[in-house]
PDB file of all heavy atoms in Angstrom:
ATOM      1  N   GLY A   1     104.197 189.973-150.278  1.00  0.00           N
ATOM      2  CA  GLY A   1     105.542 190.255-150.752  1.00  0.00           C
ATOM      3  C   GLY A   1     106.466 190.712-149.640  1.00  0.00           C
ATOM      4  O   GLY A   1     107.617 190.269-149.546  1.00  0.00           O
ATOM      5  N   ARG A   2     105.958 191.596-148.772  1.00  0.00           N
ATOM      6  CA  ARG A   2     106.776 192.083-147.652  1.00  0.00           C
ATOM      7  C   ARG A   2     107.053 190.963-146.650  1.00  0.00           C
ATOM      8  O   ARG A   2     108.156 190.877-146.100  1.00  0.00           O
ATOM      9  CB  ARG A   2     106.051 193.228-146.940  1.00  0.00           C
ATOM     10  CG  ARG A   2     105.772 194.432-147.806  1.00  0.00           C
ATOM     11  CD  ARG A   2     107.024 195.233-148.046  1.00  0.00           C
ATOM     12  NE  ARG A   2     106.750 196.401-148.870  1.00  0.00           N
ATOM     13  CZ  ARG A   2     107.635 197.345-149.136  1.00  0.00           C
ATOM     14  NH1 ARG A   2     108.858 197.248-148.643  1.00  0.00           N
ATOM     15  NH2 ARG A   2     107.314 198.370-149.902  1.00  0.00           N
ATOM     16  N   TRP A   3     106.061 190.149-146.401  1.00  0.00           N
ATOM     17  CA  TRP A   3     106.227 189.072-145.423  1.00  0.00           C
ATOM     18  C   TRP A   3     107.252 188.052-145.891  1.00  0.00           C
ATOM     19  O   TRP A   3     107.995 187.492-145.084  1.00  0.00           O
ATOM     20  CB  TRP A   3     104.884 188.392-145.166  1.00  0.00           C
ATOM     21  CG  TRP A   3     104.889 187.515-143.957  1.00  0.00           C
ATOM     22  CD1 TRP A   3     105.187 186.177-143.912  1.00  0.00           C
ATOM     23  CD2 TRP A   3     104.614 187.901-142.607  1.00  0.00           C
ATOM     24  NE1 TRP A   3     105.100 185.711-142.627  1.00  0.00           N
ATOM     25  CE2 TRP A   3     104.751 186.754-141.800  1.00  0.00           C
ATOM     26  CE3 TRP A   3     104.250 189.106-142.012  1.00  0.00           C
ATOM     27  CZ2 TRP A   3     104.541 186.777-140.432  1.00  0.00           C
ATOM     28  CZ3 TRP A   3     104.042 189.132-140.645  1.00  0.00           C
ATOM     29  CH2 TRP A   3     104.194 187.980-139.868  1.00  0.00           C
ATOM     30  N   ASN A   4     107.303 187.820-147.205  1.00  0.00           N
ATOM     31  CA  ASN A   4     108.216 186.813-147.745  1.00  0.00           C
ATOM     32  C   ASN A   4     109.521 187.419-148.249  1.00  0.00           C
ATOM     33  O   ASN A   4     110.326 186.710-148.881  1.00  0.00           O
ATOM     34  CB  ASN A   4     107.537 186.048-148.889  1.00  0.00           C
ATOM     35  CG  ASN A   4     106.341 185.243-148.416  1.00  0.00           C
ATOM     36  OD1 ASN A   4     106.371 184.662-147.345  1.00  0.00           O
ATOM     37  ND2 ASN A   4     105.288 185.223-149.215  1.00  0.00           N
ATOM     38  N   ASP A   5     109.741 188.704-147.999  1.00  0.00           N
ATOM     39  CA  ASP A   5     110.961 189.361-148.462  1.00  0.00           C
ATOM     40  C   ASP A   5     112.173 188.722-147.784  1.00  0.00           C
ATOM     41  O   ASP A   5     112.275 188.715-146.552  1.00  0.00           O
ATOM     42  CB  ASP A   5     110.899 190.857-148.139  1.00  0.00           C
ATOM     43  CG  ASP A   5     111.822 191.664-149.035  1.00  0.00           C
ATOM     44  OD1 ASP A   5     112.510 191.058-149.871  1.00  0.00           O
ATOM     45  OD2 ASP A   5     111.850 192.907-148.900  1.00  0.00           O
ATOM     46  N   PHE A   6     113.093 188.227-148.594  1.00  0.00           N
ATOM     47  CA  PHE A   6     114.203 187.443-148.043  1.00  0.00           C
ATOM     48  C   PHE A   6     115.579 188.063-148.331  1.00  0.00           C
ATOM     49  O   PHE A   6     116.347 188.343-147.411  1.00  0.00           O
ATOM     50  CB  PHE A   6     114.149 186.023-148.621  1.00  0.00           C
ATOM     51  CG  PHE A   6     115.361 185.194-148.329  1.00  0.00           C
ATOM     52  CD1 PHE A   6     115.577 184.674-147.063  1.00  0.00           C
ATOM     53  CD2 PHE A   6     116.295 184.921-149.324  1.00  0.00           C
ATOM     54  CE1 PHE A   6     116.703 183.909-146.786  1.00  0.00           C
ATOM     55  CE2 PHE A   6     117.412 184.158-149.063  1.00  0.00           C
ATOM     56  CZ  PHE A   6     117.622 183.650-147.792  1.00  0.00           C
ATOM     57  N   LEU A   7     115.872 188.310-149.602  1.00  0.00           N
ATOM     58  CA  LEU A   7     117.232 188.688-149.983  1.00  0.00           C
ATOM     59  C   LEU A   7     117.564 190.143-149.679  1.00  0.00           C
ATOM     60  O   LEU A   7     118.612 190.436-149.084  1.00  0.00           O
ATOM     61  CB  LEU A   7     117.448 188.401-151.472  1.00  0.00           C
ATOM     62  CG  LEU A   7     118.834 188.730-152.030  1.00  0.00           C
ATOM     63  CD1 LEU A   7     119.909 187.931-151.297  1.00  0.00           C
ATOM     64  CD2 LEU A   7     118.882 188.443-153.529  1.00  0.00           C
ATOM     65  N   TRP A   8     116.676 191.067-150.069  1.00  0.00           N
ATOM     66  CA  TRP A   8     116.983 192.495-149.934  1.00  0.00           C
ATOM     67  C   TRP A   8     117.246 192.916-148.483  1.00  0.00           C
ATOM     68  O   TRP A   8     118.207 193.653-148.230  1.00  0.00           O
ATOM     69  CB  TRP A   8     115.872 193.325-150.565  1.00  0.00           C
ATOM     70  CG  TRP A   8     116.113 194.806-150.508  1.00  0.00           C
ATOM     71  CD1 TRP A   8     115.424 195.725-149.782  1.00  0.00           C
ATOM     72  CD2 TRP A   8     117.134 195.537-151.203  1.00  0.00           C
ATOM     73  NE1 TRP A   8     115.931 196.981-149.980  1.00  0.00           N
ATOM     74  CE2 TRP A   8     116.984 196.899-150.842  1.00  0.00           C
ATOM     75  CE3 TRP A   8     118.152 195.179-152.081  1.00  0.00           C
ATOM     76  CZ2 TRP A   8     117.820 197.893-151.338  1.00  0.00           C
ATOM     77  CZ3 TRP A   8     118.979 196.169-152.572  1.00  0.00           C
ATOM     78  CH2 TRP A   8     118.811 197.508-152.200  1.00  0.00           C
ATOM     79  N   PRO A   9     116.442 192.470-147.512  1.00  0.00           N
ATOM     80  CA  PRO A   9     116.754 192.853-146.123  1.00  0.00           C
ATOM     81  C   PRO A   9     118.132 192.374-145.669  1.00  0.00           C
ATOM     82  O   PRO A   9     118.810 193.067-144.893  1.00  0.00           O
ATOM     83  CB  PRO A   9     115.640 192.175-145.310  1.00  0.00           C
ATOM     84  CG  PRO A   9     114.520 192.025-146.265  1.00  0.00           C
ATOM     85  CD  PRO A   9     115.165 191.750-147.590  1.00  0.00           C
ATOM     86  N   MET A  10     118.566 191.212-146.138  1.00  0.00           N
ATOM     87  CA  MET A  10     119.882 190.707-145.752  1.00  0.00           C
ATOM     88  C   MET A  10     121.004 191.550-146.356  1.00  0.00           C
ATOM     89  O   MET A  10     122.120 191.597-145.831  1.00  0.00           O
ATOM     90  CB  MET A  10     120.031 189.236-146.190  1.00  0.00           C
ATOM     91  CG  MET A  10     119.042 188.307-145.521  1.00  0.00           C
ATOM     92  SD  MET A  10     119.185 186.592-146.076  1.00  0.00           S
ATOM     93  CE  MET A  10     120.753 186.141-145.352  1.00  0.00           C
ATOM     94  N   ILE A  11     120.703 192.248-147.464  1.00  0.00           N
ATOM     95  CA  ILE A  11     121.709 193.085-148.114  1.00  0.00           C
ATOM     96  C   ILE A  11     121.858 194.429-147.410  1.00  0.00           C
ATOM     97  O   ILE A  11     122.979 194.913-147.204  1.00  0.00           O
ATOM     98  CB  ILE A  11     121.348 193.300-149.605  1.00  0.00           C
ATOM     99  CG1 ILE A  11     121.421 191.968-150.364  1.00  0.00           C
ATOM    100  CG2 ILE A  11     122.273 194.328-150.253  1.00  0.00           C
ATOM    101  CD1 ILE A  11     120.949 192.054-151.798  1.00  0.00           C
ATOM    102  N   VAL A  12     120.752 195.034-147.006  1.00  0.00           N
ATOM    103  CA  VAL A  12     120.791 196.421-146.517  1.00  0.00           C
ATOM    104  C   VAL A  12     120.740 196.528-144.995  1.00  0.00           C
ATOM    105  O   VAL A  12     120.975 197.623-144.455  1.00  0.00           O
ATOM    106  CB  VAL A  12     119.634 197.242-147.132  1.00  0.00           C
ATOM    107  CG1 VAL A  12     119.786 197.337-148.633  1.00  0.00           C
ATOM    108  CG2 VAL A  12     118.279 196.649-146.751  1.00  0.00           C
ATOM    109  N   LEU A  13     120.417 195.448-144.295  1.00  0.00           N
ATOM    110  CA  LEU A  13     120.363 195.506-142.834  1.00  0.00           C
ATOM    111  C   LEU A  13     121.645 194.939-142.244  1.00  0.00           C
ATOM    112  O   LEU A  13     122.011 193.788-142.527  1.00  0.00           O
ATOM    113  CB  LEU A  13     119.154 194.734-142.303  1.00  0.00           C
ATOM    114  CG  LEU A  13     117.780 195.311-142.643  1.00  0.00           C
ATOM    115  CD1 LEU A  13     116.666 194.419-142.102  1.00  0.00           C
ATOM    116  CD2 LEU A  13     117.624 196.726-142.100  1.00  0.00           C
ATOM    117  N   ASN A  14     122.322 195.735-141.452  1.00  0.00           N
ATOM    118  CA  ASN A  14     123.572 195.297-140.830  1.00  0.00           C
ATOM    119  C   ASN A  14     123.339 194.493-139.555  1.00  0.00           C
ATOM    120  O   ASN A  14     124.135 193.631-139.201  1.00  0.00           O
ATOM    121  CB  ASN A  14     124.455 196.511-140.518  1.00  0.00           C
ATOM    122  CG  ASN A  14     124.729 197.344-141.760  1.00  0.00           C
ATOM    123  OD1 ASN A  14     124.956 196.790-142.834  1.00  0.00           O
ATOM    124  ND2 ASN A  14     124.705 198.672-141.626  1.00  0.00           N
ATOM    125  N   ASP A  15     122.251 194.795-138.857  1.00  0.00           N
ATOM    126  CA  ASP A  15     121.941 194.150-137.589  1.00  0.00           C
ATOM    127  C   ASP A  15     120.970 192.998-137.835  1.00  0.00           C
ATOM    128  O   ASP A  15     119.847 193.220-138.315  1.00  0.00           O
ATOM    129  CB  ASP A  15     121.337 195.178-136.626  1.00  0.00           C
ATOM    130  CG  ASP A  15     121.143 194.613-135.225  1.00  0.00           C
ATOM    131  OD1 ASP A  15     121.477 193.430-135.010  1.00  0.00           O
ATOM    132  OD2 ASP A  15     120.670 195.362-134.341  1.00  0.00           O
ATOM    133  N   THR A  16     121.382 191.787-137.521  1.00  0.00           N
ATOM    134  CA  THR A  16     120.509 190.633-137.745  1.00  0.00           C
ATOM    135  C   THR A  16     119.263 190.666-136.862  1.00  0.00           C
ATOM    136  O   THR A  16     118.274 190.000-137.173  1.00  0.00           O
ATOM    137  CB  THR A  16     121.277 189.320-137.497  1.00  0.00           C
ATOM    138  OG1 THR A  16     121.816 189.331-136.167  1.00  0.00           O
ATOM    139  CG2 THR A  16     122.410 189.168-138.493  1.00  0.00           C
ATOM    140  N   ASP A  17     119.310 191.412-135.760  1.00  0.00           N
ATOM    141  CA  ASP A  17     118.135 191.520-134.897  1.00  0.00           C
ATOM    142  C   ASP A  17     117.002 192.296-135.575  1.00  0.00           C
ATOM    143  O   ASP A  17     115.871 192.281-135.084  1.00  0.00           O
ATOM    144  CB  ASP A  17     118.502 192.212-133.579  1.00  0.00           C
ATOM    145  CG  ASP A  17     119.321 191.317-132.668  1.00  0.00           C
ATOM    146  OD1 ASP A  17     119.250 190.079-132.852  1.00  0.00           O
ATOM    147  OD2 ASP A  17     120.028 191.838-131.793  1.00  0.00           O
ATOM    148  N   MET A  18     117.301 192.987-136.689  1.00  0.00           N
ATOM    149  CA  MET A  18     116.286 193.745-137.417  1.00  0.00           C
ATOM    150  C   MET A  18     115.724 192.954-138.599  1.00  0.00           C
ATOM    151  O   MET A  18     114.859 193.446-139.312  1.00  0.00           O
ATOM    152  CB  MET A  18     116.876 195.063-137.919  1.00  0.00           C
ATOM    153  CG  MET A  18     117.337 195.998-136.824  1.00  0.00           C
ATOM    154  SD  MET A  18     118.071 197.515-137.489  1.00  0.00           S
ATOM    155  CE  MET A  18     116.649 198.257-138.292  1.00  0.00           C
ATOM    156  N   TYR A  19     116.198 191.723-138.800  1.00  0.00           N
ATOM    157  CA  TYR A  19     115.760 190.929-139.940  1.00  0.00           C
ATOM    158  C   TYR A  19     114.255 190.644-139.878  1.00  0.00           C
ATOM    159  O   TYR A  19     113.693 190.434-138.793  1.00  0.00           O
ATOM    160  CB  TYR A  19     116.495 189.594-139.964  1.00  0.00           C
ATOM    161  CG  TYR A  19     117.856 189.628-140.635  1.00  0.00           C
ATOM    162  CD1 TYR A  19     118.434 190.823-141.042  1.00  0.00           C
ATOM    163  CD2 TYR A  19     118.561 188.450-140.851  1.00  0.00           C
ATOM    164  CE1 TYR A  19     119.673 190.841-141.644  1.00  0.00           C
ATOM    165  CE2 TYR A  19     119.810 188.455-141.451  1.00  0.00           C
ATOM    166  CZ  TYR A  19     120.360 189.665-141.841  1.00  0.00           C
ATOM    167  OH  TYR A  19     121.593 189.677-142.442  1.00  0.00           O
ATOM    168  N   PRO A  20     113.596 190.595-141.036  1.00  0.00           N
ATOM    169  CA  PRO A  20     112.225 190.060-141.062  1.00  0.00           C
ATOM    170  C   PRO A  20     112.257 188.548-140.905  1.00  0.00           C
ATOM    171  O   PRO A  20     113.320 187.909-140.946  1.00  0.00           O
ATOM    172  CB  PRO A  20     111.721 190.474-142.454  1.00  0.00           C
ATOM    173  CG  PRO A  20     112.960 190.585-143.283  1.00  0.00           C
ATOM    174  CD  PRO A  20     114.032 191.073-142.356  1.00  0.00           C
ATOM    175  N   LEU A  21     111.091 187.960-140.771  1.00  0.00           N
ATOM    176  CA  LEU A  21     111.003 186.537-140.446  1.00  0.00           C
ATOM    177  C   LEU A  21     111.606 185.656-141.534  1.00  0.00           C
ATOM    178  O   LEU A  21     112.317 184.692-141.237  1.00  0.00           O
ATOM    179  CB  LEU A  21     109.537 186.155-140.215  1.00  0.00           C
ATOM    180  CG  LEU A  21     109.258 184.737-139.728  1.00  0.00           C
ATOM    181  CD1 LEU A  21     110.034 184.446-138.458  1.00  0.00           C
ATOM    182  CD2 LEU A  21     107.771 184.534-139.501  1.00  0.00           C
ATOM    183  N   ALA A  22     111.355 185.978-142.809  1.00  0.00           N
ATOM    184  CA  ALA A  22     111.867 185.146-143.897  1.00  0.00           C
ATOM    185  C   ALA A  22     113.390 185.113-143.902  1.00  0.00           C
ATOM    186  O   ALA A  22     114.001 184.059-144.125  1.00  0.00           O
ATOM    187  CB  ALA A  22     111.343 185.653-145.238  1.00  0.00           C
ATOM    188  N   SER A  23     114.016 186.265-143.667  1.00  0.00           N
ATOM    189  CA  SER A  23     115.482 186.310-143.622  1.00  0.00           C
ATOM    190  C   SER A  23     116.012 185.604-142.379  1.00  0.00           C
ATOM    191  O   SER A  23     117.057 184.947-142.426  1.00  0.00           O
ATOM    192  CB  SER A  23     115.959 187.766-143.634  1.00  0.00           C
ATOM    193  OG  SER A  23     115.528 188.437-144.800  1.00  0.00           O
ATOM    194  N   ALA A  24     115.299 185.740-141.259  1.00  0.00           N
ATOM    195  CA  ALA A  24     115.752 185.118-140.014  1.00  0.00           C
ATOM    196  C   ALA A  24     115.710 183.605-140.089  1.00  0.00           C
ATOM    197  O   ALA A  24     116.470 182.923-139.389  1.00  0.00           O
ATOM    198  CB  ALA A  24     114.891 185.601-138.848  1.00  0.00           C
ATOM    199  N   LEU A  25     114.853 183.043-140.951  1.00  0.00           N
ATOM    200  CA  LEU A  25     114.784 181.592-141.080  1.00  0.00           C
ATOM    201  C   LEU A  25     116.082 181.014-141.642  1.00  0.00           C
ATOM    202  O   LEU A  25     116.327 179.812-141.521  1.00  0.00           O
ATOM    203  CB  LEU A  25     113.610 181.189-141.979  1.00  0.00           C
ATOM    204  CG  LEU A  25     112.213 181.357-141.379  1.00  0.00           C
ATOM    205  CD1 LEU A  25     111.149 181.021-142.402  1.00  0.00           C
ATOM    206  CD2 LEU A  25     112.047 180.509-140.134  1.00  0.00           C
ATOM    207  N   SER A  26     116.911 181.868-142.244  1.00  0.00           N
ATOM    208  CA  SER A  26     118.202 181.383-142.756  1.00  0.00           C
ATOM    209  C   SER A  26     119.114 180.941-141.617  1.00  0.00           C
ATOM    210  O   SER A  26     120.070 180.198-141.843  1.00  0.00           O
ATOM    211  CB  SER A  26     118.892 182.481-143.574  1.00  0.00           C
ATOM    212  OG  SER A  26     119.186 183.612-142.765  1.00  0.00           O
ATOM    213  N   PHE A  27     118.836 181.378-140.378  1.00  0.00           N
ATOM    214  CA  PHE A  27     119.637 180.949-139.229  1.00  0.00           C
ATOM    215  C   PHE A  27     119.492 179.447-138.973  1.00  0.00           C
ATOM    216  O   PHE A  27     120.341 178.844-138.301  1.00  0.00           O
ATOM    217  CB  PHE A  27     119.227 181.713-137.962  1.00  0.00           C
ATOM    218  CG  PHE A  27     119.433 183.191-138.056  1.00  0.00           C
ATOM    219  CD1 PHE A  27     118.610 184.069-137.352  1.00  0.00           C
ATOM    220  CD2 PHE A  27     120.435 183.725-138.839  1.00  0.00           C
ATOM    221  CE1 PHE A  27     118.799 185.438-137.432  1.00  0.00           C
ATOM    222  CE2 PHE A  27     120.632 185.092-138.932  1.00  0.00           C
ATOM    223  CZ  PHE A  27     119.812 185.954-138.224  1.00  0.00           C
ATOM    224  N   LEU A  28     118.411 178.855-139.489  1.00  0.00           N
ATOM    225  CA  LEU A  28     118.176 177.429-139.268  1.00  0.00           C
ATOM    226  C   LEU A  28     119.042 176.568-140.176  1.00  0.00           C
ATOM    227  O   LEU A  28     119.119 175.359-139.987  1.00  0.00           O
ATOM    228  CB  LEU A  28     116.695 177.097-139.507  1.00  0.00           C
ATOM    229  CG  LEU A  28     115.693 177.808-138.585  1.00  0.00           C
ATOM    230  CD1 LEU A  28     114.274 177.444-138.983  1.00  0.00           C
ATOM    231  CD2 LEU A  28     115.945 177.456-137.129  1.00  0.00           C
ATOM    232  N   ASN A  29     119.660 177.188-141.162  1.00  0.00           N
ATOM    233  CA  ASN A  29     120.513 176.457-142.097  1.00  0.00           C
ATOM    234  C   ASN A  29     121.954 176.554-141.624  1.00  0.00           C
ATOM    235  O   ASN A  29     122.601 177.583-141.771  1.00  0.00           O
ATOM    236  CB  ASN A  29     120.370 177.051-143.498  1.00  0.00           C
ATOM    237  CG  ASN A  29     120.917 176.134-144.566  1.00  0.00           C
ATOM    238  OD1 ASN A  29     121.415 175.054-144.262  1.00  0.00           O
ATOM    239  ND2 ASN A  29     120.828 176.557-145.813  1.00  0.00           N
TER     240      ASN A  29
END
């Protein structure tokens, strides 16, 4: 669950450098 966490980190993290891997994959879109 933590590894695949996508939406919540994007809501509460202001710095994209702190994103988890699932959220960071959105940069490919």
